[in-house]
Amino acid sequence: MDIPVIHLKTGNADVINSKEVLFIHAAERLTLIHTKDQVYRPAVTLKDFAEVLLSEGFESLEKSNLTNINLVQYYDKISNEAYFDKTKEGKSVRVSRRNRSKMD
């Protein structure tokens, strides 16, 4: 699924595929889309994404994020962090206690 976005650093309009999205994070009134190497700003809210992307493998792992479960490479049960690479050095998202079962 194609998602229209604004590149956060350059301000350029672009379109990305949902399969590239690691997670979508909401902070205050700003929603950010994280891919492996970039960060984008969408034109819709996190709630709007949740309705559309659940069928694409996205799950809410914490109140402020929507995560592509298919791209999680490692889950640390002690820190409750889901990582998108096995080295645990790249991007990660927090998993709430309520949603830990989604990582099993």
PDB file of N, CA and C in Angstrom:
ATOM      1  N   MET A   1       0.836  -1.167   0.000  1.00  0.00           N
ATOM      2  CA  MET A   1       0.000   0.000   0.000  1.00  0.00           C
ATOM      3  C   MET A   1       0.889   1.241   0.000  1.00  0.00           C
ATOM      4  N   ASP A   2       0.647   2.161  -0.896  1.00  0.00           N
ATOM      5  CA  ASP A   2       1.406   3.403  -0.969  1.00  0.00           C
ATOM      6  C   ASP A   2       0.873   4.420   0.032  1.00  0.00           C
ATOM      7  N   ILE A   3       1.811   5.130   0.680  1.00  0.00           N
ATOM      8  CA  ILE A   3       1.462   6.126   1.692  1.00  0.00           C
ATOM      9  C   ILE A   3       2.086   7.457   1.277  1.00  0.00           C
ATOM     10  N   PRO A   4       1.265   8.509   1.078  1.00  0.00           N
ATOM     11  CA  PRO A   4       1.829   9.829   0.774  1.00  0.00           C
ATOM     12  C   PRO A   4       2.427  10.437   2.044  1.00  0.00           C
ATOM     13  N   VAL A   5       3.655  10.952   1.921  1.00  0.00           N
ATOM     14  CA  VAL A   5       4.371  11.478   3.086  1.00  0.00           C
ATOM     15  C   VAL A   5       5.161  12.731   2.718  1.00  0.00           C
ATOM     16  N   ILE A   6       5.649  13.408   3.765  1.00  0.00           N
ATOM     17  CA  ILE A   6       6.571  14.529   3.633  1.00  0.00           C
ATOM     18  C   ILE A   6       7.874  14.110   4.304  1.00  0.00           C
ATOM     19  N   HIS A   7       8.988  14.209   3.582  1.00  0.00           N
ATOM     20  CA  HIS A   7      10.289  13.870   4.157  1.00  0.00           C
ATOM     21  C   HIS A   7      10.600  14.902   5.232  1.00  0.00           C
ATOM     22  N   LEU A   8      10.908  14.448   6.438  1.00  0.00           N
ATOM     23  CA  LEU A   8      11.070  15.338   7.579  1.00  0.00           C
ATOM     24  C   LEU A   8      12.241  16.307   7.406  1.00  0.00           C
ATOM     25  N   LYS A   9      13.370  15.850   6.877  1.00  0.00           N
ATOM     26  CA  LYS A   9      14.554  16.723   6.749  1.00  0.00           C
ATOM     27  C   LYS A   9      14.468  17.679   5.568  1.00  0.00           C
ATOM     28  N   THR A  10      13.970  17.200   4.425  1.00  0.00           N
ATOM     29  CA  THR A  10      13.981  18.029   3.216  1.00  0.00           C
ATOM     30  C   THR A  10      12.669  18.764   2.976  1.00  0.00           C
ATOM     31  N   GLY A  11      11.574  18.252   3.531  1.00  0.00           N
ATOM     32  CA  GLY A  11      10.269  18.855   3.293  1.00  0.00           C
ATOM     33  C   GLY A  11       9.659  18.463   1.964  1.00  0.00           C
ATOM     34  N   ASN A  12      10.299  17.561   1.235  1.00  0.00           N
ATOM     35  CA  ASN A  12       9.804  17.117  -0.070  1.00  0.00           C
ATOM     36  C   ASN A  12       8.680  16.101   0.079  1.00  0.00           C
ATOM     37  N   ALA A  13       7.686  16.203  -0.799  1.00  0.00           N
ATOM     38  CA  ALA A  13       6.600  15.227  -0.834  1.00  0.00           C
ATOM     39  C   ALA A  13       7.112  13.950  -1.482  1.00  0.00           C
ATOM     40  N   ASP A  14       6.620  12.820  -0.999  1.00  0.00           N
ATOM     41  CA  ASP A  14       7.066  11.529  -1.510  1.00  0.00           C
ATOM     42  C   ASP A  14       5.959  10.511  -1.274  1.00  0.00           C
ATOM     43  N   VAL A  15       6.145   9.325  -1.797  1.00  0.00           N
ATOM     44  CA  VAL A  15       5.246   8.200  -1.558  1.00  0.00           C
ATOM     45  C   VAL A  15       6.115   7.019  -1.161  1.00  0.00           C
ATOM     46  N   ILE A  16       5.759   6.359  -0.048  1.00  0.00           N
ATOM     47  CA  ILE A  16       6.500   5.168   0.375  1.00  0.00           C
ATOM     48  C   ILE A  16       5.537   3.992   0.455  1.00  0.00           C
ATOM     49  N   ASN A  17       6.078   2.795   0.362  1.00  0.00           N
ATOM     50  CA  ASN A  17       5.267   1.588   0.459  1.00  0.00           C
ATOM     51  C   ASN A  17       5.177   1.163   1.918  1.00  0.00           C
ATOM     52  N   SER A  18       4.027   0.686   2.350  1.00  0.00           N
ATOM     53  CA  SER A  18       3.834   0.280   3.748  1.00  0.00           C
ATOM     54  C   SER A  18       4.782  -0.843   4.156  1.00  0.00           C
ATOM     55  N   LYS A  19       5.287  -1.622   3.213  1.00  0.00           N
ATOM     56  CA  LYS A  19       6.221  -2.703   3.531  1.00  0.00           C
ATOM     57  C   LYS A  19       7.582  -2.171   3.996  1.00  0.00           C
ATOM     58  N   GLU A  20       7.883  -0.904   3.697  1.00  0.00           N
ATOM     59  CA  GLU A  20       9.128  -0.271   4.129  1.00  0.00           C
ATOM     60  C   GLU A  20       9.033   0.297   5.546  1.00  0.00           C
ATOM     61  N   VAL A  21       7.830   0.449   6.061  1.00  0.00           N
ATOM     62  CA  VAL A  21       7.612   1.124   7.341  1.00  0.00           C
ATOM     63  C   VAL A  21       7.942   0.192   8.498  1.00  0.00           C
ATOM     64  N   LEU A  22       8.868   0.637   9.371  1.00  0.00           N
ATOM     65  CA  LEU A  22       9.187  -0.114  10.583  1.00  0.00           C
ATOM     66  C   LEU A  22       8.117   0.135  11.636  1.00  0.00           C
ATOM     67  N   PHE A  23       7.864   1.424  11.911  1.00  0.00           N
ATOM     68  CA  PHE A  23       6.829   1.777  12.876  1.00  0.00           C
ATOM     69  C   PHE A  23       6.373   3.204  12.656  1.00  0.00           C
ATOM     70  N   ILE A  24       5.209   3.516  13.217  1.00  0.00           N
ATOM     71  CA  ILE A  24       4.632   4.854  13.167  1.00  0.00           C
ATOM     72  C   ILE A  24       4.479   5.304  14.606  1.00  0.00           C
ATOM     73  N   HIS A  25       4.990   6.480  14.904  1.00  0.00           N
ATOM     74  CA  HIS A  25       5.032   6.960  16.280  1.00  0.00           C
ATOM     75  C   HIS A  25       4.314   8.301  16.391  1.00  0.00           C
ATOM     76  N   ALA A  26       3.487   8.449  17.411  1.00  0.00           N
ATOM     77  CA  ALA A  26       2.808   9.715  17.671  1.00  0.00           C
ATOM     78  C   ALA A  26       3.421  10.371  18.896  1.00  0.00           C
ATOM     79  N   ALA A  27       3.847  11.612  18.739  1.00  0.00           N
ATOM     80  CA  ALA A  27       4.405  12.388  19.841  1.00  0.00           C
ATOM     81  C   ALA A  27       3.679  13.726  19.873  1.00  0.00           C
ATOM     82  N   GLU A  28       2.906  13.934  20.928  1.00  0.00           N
ATOM     83  CA  GLU A  28       2.065  15.119  21.063  1.00  0.00           C
ATOM     84  C   GLU A  28       1.150  15.220  19.847  1.00  0.00           C
ATOM     85  N   ARG A  29       1.273  16.266  19.042  1.00  0.00           N
ATOM     86  CA  ARG A  29       0.370  16.430  17.898  1.00  0.00           C
ATOM     87  C   ARG A  29       1.030  16.048  16.572  1.00  0.00           C
ATOM     88  N   LEU A  30       2.185  15.394  16.639  1.00  0.00           N
ATOM     89  CA  LEU A  30       2.933  15.056  15.434  1.00  0.00           C
ATOM     90  C   LEU A  30       3.053  13.542  15.291  1.00  0.00           C
ATOM     91  N   THR A  31       2.719  13.028  14.127  1.00  0.00           N
ATOM     92  CA  THR A  31       2.881  11.609  13.829  1.00  0.00           C
ATOM     93  C   THR A  31       4.080  11.459  12.897  1.00  0.00           C
ATOM     94  N   LEU A  32       4.964  10.495  13.207  1.00  0.00           N
ATOM     95  CA  LEU A  32       6.161  10.265  12.400  1.00  0.00           C
ATOM     96  C   LEU A  32       6.203   8.822  11.918  1.00  0.00           C
ATOM     97  N   ILE A  33       6.598   8.632  10.659  1.00  0.00           N
ATOM     98  CA  ILE A  33       6.743   7.309  10.069  1.00  0.00           C
ATOM     99  C   ILE A  33       8.237   7.010   9.961  1.00  0.00           C
ATOM    100  N   HIS A  34       8.668   5.895  10.543  1.00  0.00           N
ATOM    101  CA  HIS A  34      10.078   5.506  10.514  1.00  0.00           C
ATOM    102  C   HIS A  34      10.289   4.342   9.556  1.00  0.00           C
ATOM    103  N   THR A  35      11.204   4.538   8.604  1.00  0.00           N
ATOM    104  CA  THR A  35      11.680   3.445   7.767  1.00  0.00           C
ATOM    105  C   THR A  35      13.092   3.122   8.257  1.00  0.00           C
ATOM    106  N   LYS A  36      13.768   2.216   7.603  1.00  0.00           N
ATOM    107  CA  LYS A  36      15.109   1.842   8.059  1.00  0.00           C
ATOM    108  C   LYS A  36      16.047   3.045   8.125  1.00  0.00           C
ATOM    109  N   ASP A  37      15.985   3.919   7.123  1.00  0.00           N
ATOM    110  CA  ASP A  37      16.949   5.015   7.031  1.00  0.00           C
ATOM    111  C   ASP A  37      16.360   6.420   7.102  1.00  0.00           C
ATOM    112  N   GLN A  38      15.051   6.557   7.081  1.00  0.00           N
ATOM    113  CA  GLN A  38      14.447   7.885   6.994  1.00  0.00           C
ATOM    114  C   GLN A  38      13.298   8.052   7.989  1.00  0.00           C
ATOM    115  N   VAL A  39      12.892   9.317   8.158  1.00  0.00           N
ATOM    116  CA  VAL A  39      11.727   9.645   8.977  1.00  0.00           C
ATOM    117  C   VAL A  39      10.841  10.573   8.145  1.00  0.00           C
ATOM    118  N   TYR A  40       9.536  10.288   8.134  1.00  0.00           N
ATOM    119  CA  TYR A  40       8.583  11.046   7.338  1.00  0.00           C
ATOM    120  C   TYR A  40       7.423  11.520   8.207  1.00  0.00           C
ATOM    121  N   ARG A  41       6.724  12.525   7.700  1.00  0.00           N
ATOM    122  CA  ARG A  41       5.517  13.023   8.345  1.00  0.00           C
ATOM    123  C   ARG A  41       4.337  12.732   7.411  1.00  0.00           C
ATOM    124  N   PRO A  42       3.338  12.012   7.896  1.00  0.00           N
ATOM    125  CA  PRO A  42       2.178  11.703   7.051  1.00  0.00           C
ATOM    126  C   PRO A  42       1.127  12.808   7.129  1.00  0.00           C
ATOM    127  N   ALA A  43       0.127  12.677   6.287  1.00  0.00           N
ATOM    128  CA  ALA A  43      -0.963  13.644   6.280  1.00  0.00           C
ATOM    129  C   ALA A  43      -2.146  13.183   7.130  1.00  0.00           C
ATOM    130  N   VAL A  44      -2.032  12.034   7.770  1.00  0.00           N
ATOM    131  CA  VAL A  44      -3.135  11.501   8.579  1.00  0.00           C
ATOM    132  C   VAL A  44      -2.649  11.163   9.986  1.00  0.00           C
ATOM    133  N   THR A  45      -3.579  10.842  10.874  1.00  0.00           N
ATOM    134  CA  THR A  45      -3.251  10.553  12.273  1.00  0.00           C
ATOM    135  C   THR A  45      -2.905   9.076  12.482  1.00  0.00           C
ATOM    136  N   LEU A  46      -2.360   8.786  13.647  1.00  0.00           N
ATOM    137  CA  LEU A  46      -2.030   7.406  14.010  1.00  0.00           C
ATOM    138  C   LEU A  46      -3.289   6.538  14.018  1.00  0.00           C
ATOM    139  N   LYS A  47      -4.381   7.079  14.497  1.00  0.00           N
ATOM    140  CA  LYS A  47      -5.649   6.333  14.534  1.00  0.00           C
ATOM    141  C   LYS A  47      -6.097   5.962  13.118  1.00  0.00           C
ATOM    142  N   ASP A  48      -5.941   6.896  12.186  1.00  0.00           N
ATOM    143  CA  ASP A  48      -6.291   6.614  10.789  1.00  0.00           C
ATOM    144  C   ASP A  48      -5.436   5.473  10.233  1.00  0.00           C
ATOM    145  N   PHE A  49      -4.139   5.505  10.545  1.00  0.00           N
ATOM    146  CA  PHE A  49      -3.247   4.431  10.103  1.00  0.00           C
ATOM    147  C   PHE A  49      -3.653   3.091  10.699  1.00  0.00           C
ATOM    148  N   ALA A  50      -4.016   3.084  11.963  1.00  0.00           N
ATOM    149  CA  ALA A  50      -4.393   1.832  12.629  1.00  0.00           C
ATOM    150  C   ALA A  50      -5.543   1.155  11.895  1.00  0.00           C
ATOM    151  N   GLU A  51      -6.514   1.926  11.483  1.00  0.00           N
ATOM    152  CA  GLU A  51      -7.674   1.369  10.787  1.00  0.00           C
ATOM    153  C   GLU A  51      -7.290   0.765   9.440  1.00  0.00           C
ATOM    154  N   VAL A  52      -6.346   1.370   8.759  1.00  0.00           N
ATOM    155  CA  VAL A  52      -5.975   0.937   7.414  1.00  0.00           C
ATOM    156  C   VAL A  52      -4.897  -0.153   7.416  1.00  0.00           C
ATOM    157  N   LEU A  53      -3.937  -0.076   8.348  1.00  0.00           N
ATOM    158  CA  LEU A  53      -2.757  -0.937   8.274  1.00  0.00           C
ATOM    159  C   LEU A  53      -2.815  -2.214   9.108  1.00  0.00           C
ATOM    160  N   LEU A  54      -3.856  -2.431   9.873  1.00  0.00           N
ATOM    161  CA  LEU A  54      -3.941  -3.669  10.653  1.00  0.00           C
ATOM    162  C   LEU A  54      -3.877  -4.895   9.751  1.00  0.00           C
ATOM    163  N   SER A  55      -4.475  -4.817   8.598  1.00  0.00           N
ATOM    164  CA  SER A  55      -4.460  -5.954   7.668  1.00  0.00           C
ATOM    165  C   SER A  55      -3.095  -6.143   7.003  1.00  0.00           C
ATOM    166  N   GLU A  56      -2.185  -5.170   7.163  1.00  0.00           N
ATOM    167  CA  GLU A  56      -0.844  -5.233   6.574  1.00  0.00           C
ATOM    168  C   GLU A  56       0.193  -5.763   7.561  1.00  0.00           C
ATOM    169  N   GLY A  57      -0.229  -6.200   8.756  1.00  0.00           N
ATOM    170  CA  GLY A  57       0.706  -6.737   9.738  1.00  0.00           C
ATOM    171  C   GLY A  57       1.147  -5.748  10.802  1.00  0.00           C
ATOM    172  N   PHE A  58       0.476  -4.615  10.904  1.00  0.00           N
ATOM    173  CA  PHE A  58       0.811  -3.617  11.916  1.00  0.00           C
ATOM    174  C   PHE A  58      -0.004  -3.861  13.178  1.00  0.00           C
ATOM    175  N   GLU A  59       0.637  -3.664  14.332  1.00  0.00           N
ATOM    176  CA  GLU A  59      -0.014  -3.823  15.632  1.00  0.00           C
ATOM    177  C   GLU A  59       0.361  -2.641  16.519  1.00  0.00           C
ATOM    178  N   SER A  60      -0.533  -2.290  17.413  1.00  0.00           N
ATOM    179  CA  SER A  60      -0.228  -1.279  18.416  1.00  0.00           C
ATOM    180  C   SER A  60       0.471  -1.979  19.574  1.00  0.00           C
ATOM    181  N   LEU A  61       1.758  -1.666  19.781  1.00  0.00           N
ATOM    182  CA  LEU A  61       2.520  -2.290  20.858  1.00  0.00           C
ATOM    183  C   LEU A  61       2.600  -1.393  22.083  1.00  0.00           C
ATOM    184  N   GLU A  62       2.273  -0.139  21.900  1.00  0.00           N
ATOM    185  CA  GLU A  62       2.221   0.837  22.973  1.00  0.00           C
ATOM    186  C   GLU A  62       1.257   1.923  22.507  1.00  0.00           C
ATOM    187  N   LYS A  63       0.755   2.700  23.416  1.00  0.00           N
ATOM    188  CA  LYS A  63      -0.255   3.705  23.088  1.00  0.00           C
ATOM    189  C   LYS A  63       0.170   4.635  21.949  1.00  0.00           C
ATOM    190  N   SER A  64       1.448   4.952  21.874  1.00  0.00           N
ATOM    191  CA  SER A  64       1.900   5.949  20.908  1.00  0.00           C
ATOM    192  C   SER A  64       2.571   5.373  19.666  1.00  0.00           C
ATOM    193  N   ASN A  65       2.468   4.056  19.438  1.00  0.00           N
ATOM    194  CA  ASN A  65       3.099   3.526  18.226  1.00  0.00           C
ATOM    195  C   ASN A  65       2.248   2.473  17.541  1.00  0.00           C
ATOM    196  N   LEU A  66       2.513   2.298  16.279  1.00  0.00           N
ATOM    197  CA  LEU A  66       1.896   1.276  15.443  1.00  0.00           C
ATOM    198  C   LEU A  66       3.061   0.610  14.723  1.00  0.00           C
ATOM    199  N   THR A  67       3.287  -0.685  14.977  1.00  0.00           N
ATOM    200  CA  THR A  67       4.512  -1.359  14.559  1.00  0.00           C
ATOM    201  C   THR A  67       4.251  -2.437  13.519  1.00  0.00           C
ATOM    202  N   ASN A  68       5.112  -2.496  12.513  1.00  0.00           N
ATOM    203  CA  ASN A  68       5.060  -3.557  11.514  1.00  0.00           C
ATOM    204  C   ASN A  68       5.706  -4.796  12.135  1.00  0.00           C
ATOM    205  N   ILE A  69       4.890  -5.680  12.672  1.00  0.00           N
ATOM    206  CA  ILE A  69       5.354  -6.881  13.368  1.00  0.00           C
ATOM    207  C   ILE A  69       6.209  -7.759  12.450  1.00  0.00           C
ATOM    208  N   ASN A  70       5.917  -7.747  11.164  1.00  0.00           N
ATOM    209  CA  ASN A  70       6.654  -8.581  10.209  1.00  0.00           C
ATOM    210  C   ASN A  70       8.127  -8.191  10.094  1.00  0.00           C
ATOM    211  N   LEU A  71       8.478  -6.966  10.467  1.00  0.00           N
ATOM    212  CA  LEU A  71       9.861  -6.505  10.337  1.00  0.00           C
ATOM    213  C   LEU A  71      10.642  -6.546  11.645  1.00  0.00           C
ATOM    214  N   VAL A  72      10.005  -6.942  12.748  1.00  0.00           N
ATOM    215  CA  VAL A  72      10.713  -7.060  14.025  1.00  0.00           C
ATOM    216  C   VAL A  72      11.652  -8.261  13.952  1.00  0.00           C
ATOM    217  N   GLN A  73      12.927  -8.036  14.241  1.00  0.00           N
ATOM    218  CA  GLN A  73      13.941  -9.087  14.182  1.00  0.00           C
ATOM    219  C   GLN A  73      14.254  -9.690  15.541  1.00  0.00           C
ATOM    220  N   TYR A  74      14.069  -8.897  16.605  1.00  0.00           N
ATOM    221  CA  TYR A  74      14.430  -9.371  17.943  1.00  0.00           C
ATOM    222  C   TYR A  74      13.565  -8.671  18.980  1.00  0.00           C
ATOM    223  N   TYR A  75      13.083  -9.440  19.963  1.00  0.00           N
ATOM    224  CA  TYR A  75      12.318  -8.867  21.070  1.00  0.00           C
ATOM    225  C   TYR A  75      13.048  -9.163  22.369  1.00  0.00           C
ATOM    226  N   ASP A  76      13.417  -8.129  23.097  1.00  0.00           N
ATOM    227  CA  ASP A  76      14.101  -8.256  24.383  1.00  0.00           C
ATOM    228  C   ASP A  76      13.049  -8.251  25.483  1.00  0.00           C
ATOM    229  N   LYS A  77      12.823  -9.416  26.085  1.00  0.00           N
ATOM    230  CA  LYS A  77      11.783  -9.558  27.106  1.00  0.00           C
ATOM    231  C   LYS A  77      12.118  -8.821  28.395  1.00  0.00           C
ATOM    232  N   ILE A  78      13.384  -8.543  28.627  1.00  0.00           N
ATOM    233  CA  ILE A  78      13.779  -7.835  29.849  1.00  0.00           C
ATOM    234  C   ILE A  78      13.518  -6.333  29.717  1.00  0.00           C
ATOM    235  N   SER A  79      13.953  -5.749  28.613  1.00  0.00           N
ATOM    236  CA  SER A  79      13.759  -4.307  28.420  1.00  0.00           C
ATOM    237  C   SER A  79      12.428  -3.973  27.751  1.00  0.00           C
ATOM    238  N   ASN A  80      11.715  -4.998  27.263  1.00  0.00           N
ATOM    239  CA  ASN A  80      10.456  -4.817  26.539  1.00  0.00           C
ATOM    240  C   ASN A  80      10.623  -3.916  25.318  1.00  0.00           C
ATOM    241  N   GLU A  81      11.701  -4.149  24.582  1.00  0.00           N
ATOM    242  CA  GLU A  81      11.974  -3.413  23.353  1.00  0.00           C
ATOM    243  C   GLU A  81      11.937  -4.377  22.173  1.00  0.00           C
ATOM    244  N   ALA A  82      11.285  -3.964  21.099  1.00  0.00           N
ATOM    245  CA  ALA A  82      11.271  -4.725  19.852  1.00  0.00           C
ATOM    246  C   ALA A  82      12.233  -4.039  18.888  1.00  0.00           C
ATOM    247  N   TYR A  83      13.188  -4.800  18.362  1.00  0.00           N
ATOM    248  CA  TYR A  83      14.236  -4.253  17.495  1.00  0.00           C
ATOM    249  C   TYR A  83      14.025  -4.702  16.055  1.00  0.00           C
ATOM    250  N   PHE A  84      14.437  -3.845  15.136  1.00  0.00           N
ATOM    251  CA  PHE A  84      14.297  -4.130  13.719  1.00  0.00           C
ATOM    252  C   PHE A  84      15.582  -4.672  13.105  1.00  0.00           C
ATOM    253  N   ASP A  85      16.594  -4.909  13.946  1.00  0.00           N
ATOM    254  CA  ASP A  85      17.792  -5.628  13.523  1.00  0.00           C
ATOM    255  C   ASP A  85      18.272  -6.482  14.692  1.00  0.00           C
ATOM    256  N   LYS A  86      18.973  -7.553  14.383  1.00  0.00           N
ATOM    257  CA  LYS A  86      19.384  -8.509  15.419  1.00  0.00           C
ATOM    258  C   LYS A  86      20.508  -7.986  16.299  1.00  0.00           C
ATOM    259  N   THR A  87      21.191  -6.931  15.877  1.00  0.00           N
ATOM    260  CA  THR A  87      22.302  -6.389  16.664  1.00  0.00           C
ATOM    261  C   THR A  87      21.816  -5.500  17.808  1.00  0.00           C
ATOM    262  N   LYS A  88      20.566  -5.130  17.801  1.00  0.00           N
ATOM    263  CA  LYS A  88      19.957  -4.239  18.803  1.00  0.00           C
ATOM    264  C   LYS A  88      20.598  -2.850  18.796  1.00  0.00           C
ATOM    265  N   GLU A  89      21.153  -2.442  17.666  1.00  0.00           N
ATOM    266  CA  GLU A  89      21.783  -1.129  17.562  1.00  0.00           C
ATOM    267  C   GLU A  89      20.956  -0.149  16.738  1.00  0.00           C
ATOM    268  N   GLY A  90      19.987  -0.653  15.992  1.00  0.00           N
ATOM    269  CA  GLY A  90      19.179   0.212  15.139  1.00  0.00           C
ATOM    270  C   GLY A  90      17.935   0.704  15.857  1.00  0.00           C
ATOM    271  N   LYS A  91      16.926   0.998  15.090  1.00  0.00           N
ATOM    272  CA  LYS A  91      15.677   1.516  15.634  1.00  0.00           C
ATOM    273  C   LYS A  91      14.945   0.436  16.417  1.00  0.00           C
ATOM    274  N   SER A  92      14.183   0.898  17.409  1.00  0.00           N
ATOM    275  CA  SER A  92      13.403  -0.025  18.234  1.00  0.00           C
ATOM    276  C   SER A  92      12.142   0.675  18.715  1.00  0.00           C
ATOM    277  N   VAL A  93      11.197  -0.117  19.199  1.00  0.00           N
ATOM    278  CA  VAL A  93       9.978   0.420  19.802  1.00  0.00           C
ATOM    279  C   VAL A  93       9.746  -0.258  21.143  1.00  0.00           C
ATOM    280  N   ARG A  94       9.107   0.449  22.011  1.00  0.00           N
ATOM    281  CA  ARG A  94       8.761  -0.069  23.331  1.00  0.00           C
ATOM    282  C   ARG A  94       7.491  -0.908  23.205  1.00  0.00           C
ATOM    283  N   VAL A  95       7.411  -1.976  24.005  1.00  0.00           N
ATOM    284  CA  VAL A  95       6.234  -2.839  24.045  1.00  0.00           C
ATOM    285  C   VAL A  95       5.647  -2.739  25.450  1.00  0.00           C
ATOM    286  N   SER A  96       4.384  -2.354  25.549  1.00  0.00           N
ATOM    287  CA  SER A  96       3.748  -2.220  26.862  1.00  0.00           C
ATOM    288  C   SER A  96       3.460  -3.594  27.461  1.00  0.00           C
ATOM    289  N   ARG A  97       3.269  -3.632  28.763  1.00  0.00           N
ATOM    290  CA  ARG A  97       2.941  -4.904  29.433  1.00  0.00           C
ATOM    291  C   ARG A  97       1.702  -5.534  28.823  1.00  0.00           C
ATOM    292  N   ARG A  98       0.721  -4.734  28.545  1.00  0.00           N
ATOM    293  CA  ARG A  98      -0.543  -5.221  27.989  1.00  0.00           C
ATOM    294  C   ARG A  98      -0.353  -5.907  26.636  1.00  0.00           C
ATOM    295  N   ASN A  99       0.648  -5.481  25.882  1.00  0.00           N
ATOM    296  CA  ASN A  99       0.833  -5.992  24.518  1.00  0.00           C
ATOM    297  C   ASN A  99       1.987  -6.969  24.354  1.00  0.00           C
ATOM    298  N   ARG A 100       2.614  -7.391  25.442  1.00  0.00           N
ATOM    299  CA  ARG A 100       3.731  -8.339  25.356  1.00  0.00           C
ATOM    300  C   ARG A 100       3.338  -9.636  24.661  1.00  0.00           C
ATOM    301  N   SER A 101       2.112 -10.069  24.845  1.00  0.00           N
ATOM    302  CA  SER A 101       1.667 -11.335  24.240  1.00  0.00           C
ATOM    303  C   SER A 101       1.694 -11.283  22.712  1.00  0.00           C
ATOM    304  N   LYS A 102       1.634 -10.094  22.124  1.00  0.00           N
ATOM    305  CA  LYS A 102       1.698  -9.959  20.668  1.00  0.00           C
ATOM    306  C   LYS A 102       3.083 -10.297  20.126  1.00  0.00           C
ATOM    307  N   MET A 103       4.085 -10.346  21.006  1.00  0.00           N
ATOM    308  CA  MET A 103       5.455 -10.615  20.583  1.00  0.00           C
ATOM    309  C   MET A 103       5.828 -12.085  20.714  1.00  0.00           C
ATOM    310  N   ASP A 104       4.946 -12.918  21.214  1.00  0.00           N
ATOM    311  CA  ASP A 104       5.239 -14.357  21.373  1.00  0.00           C
ATOM    312  C   ASP A 104       5.112 -15.108  20.073  1.00  0.00           C
TER     313      ASP A 104
END
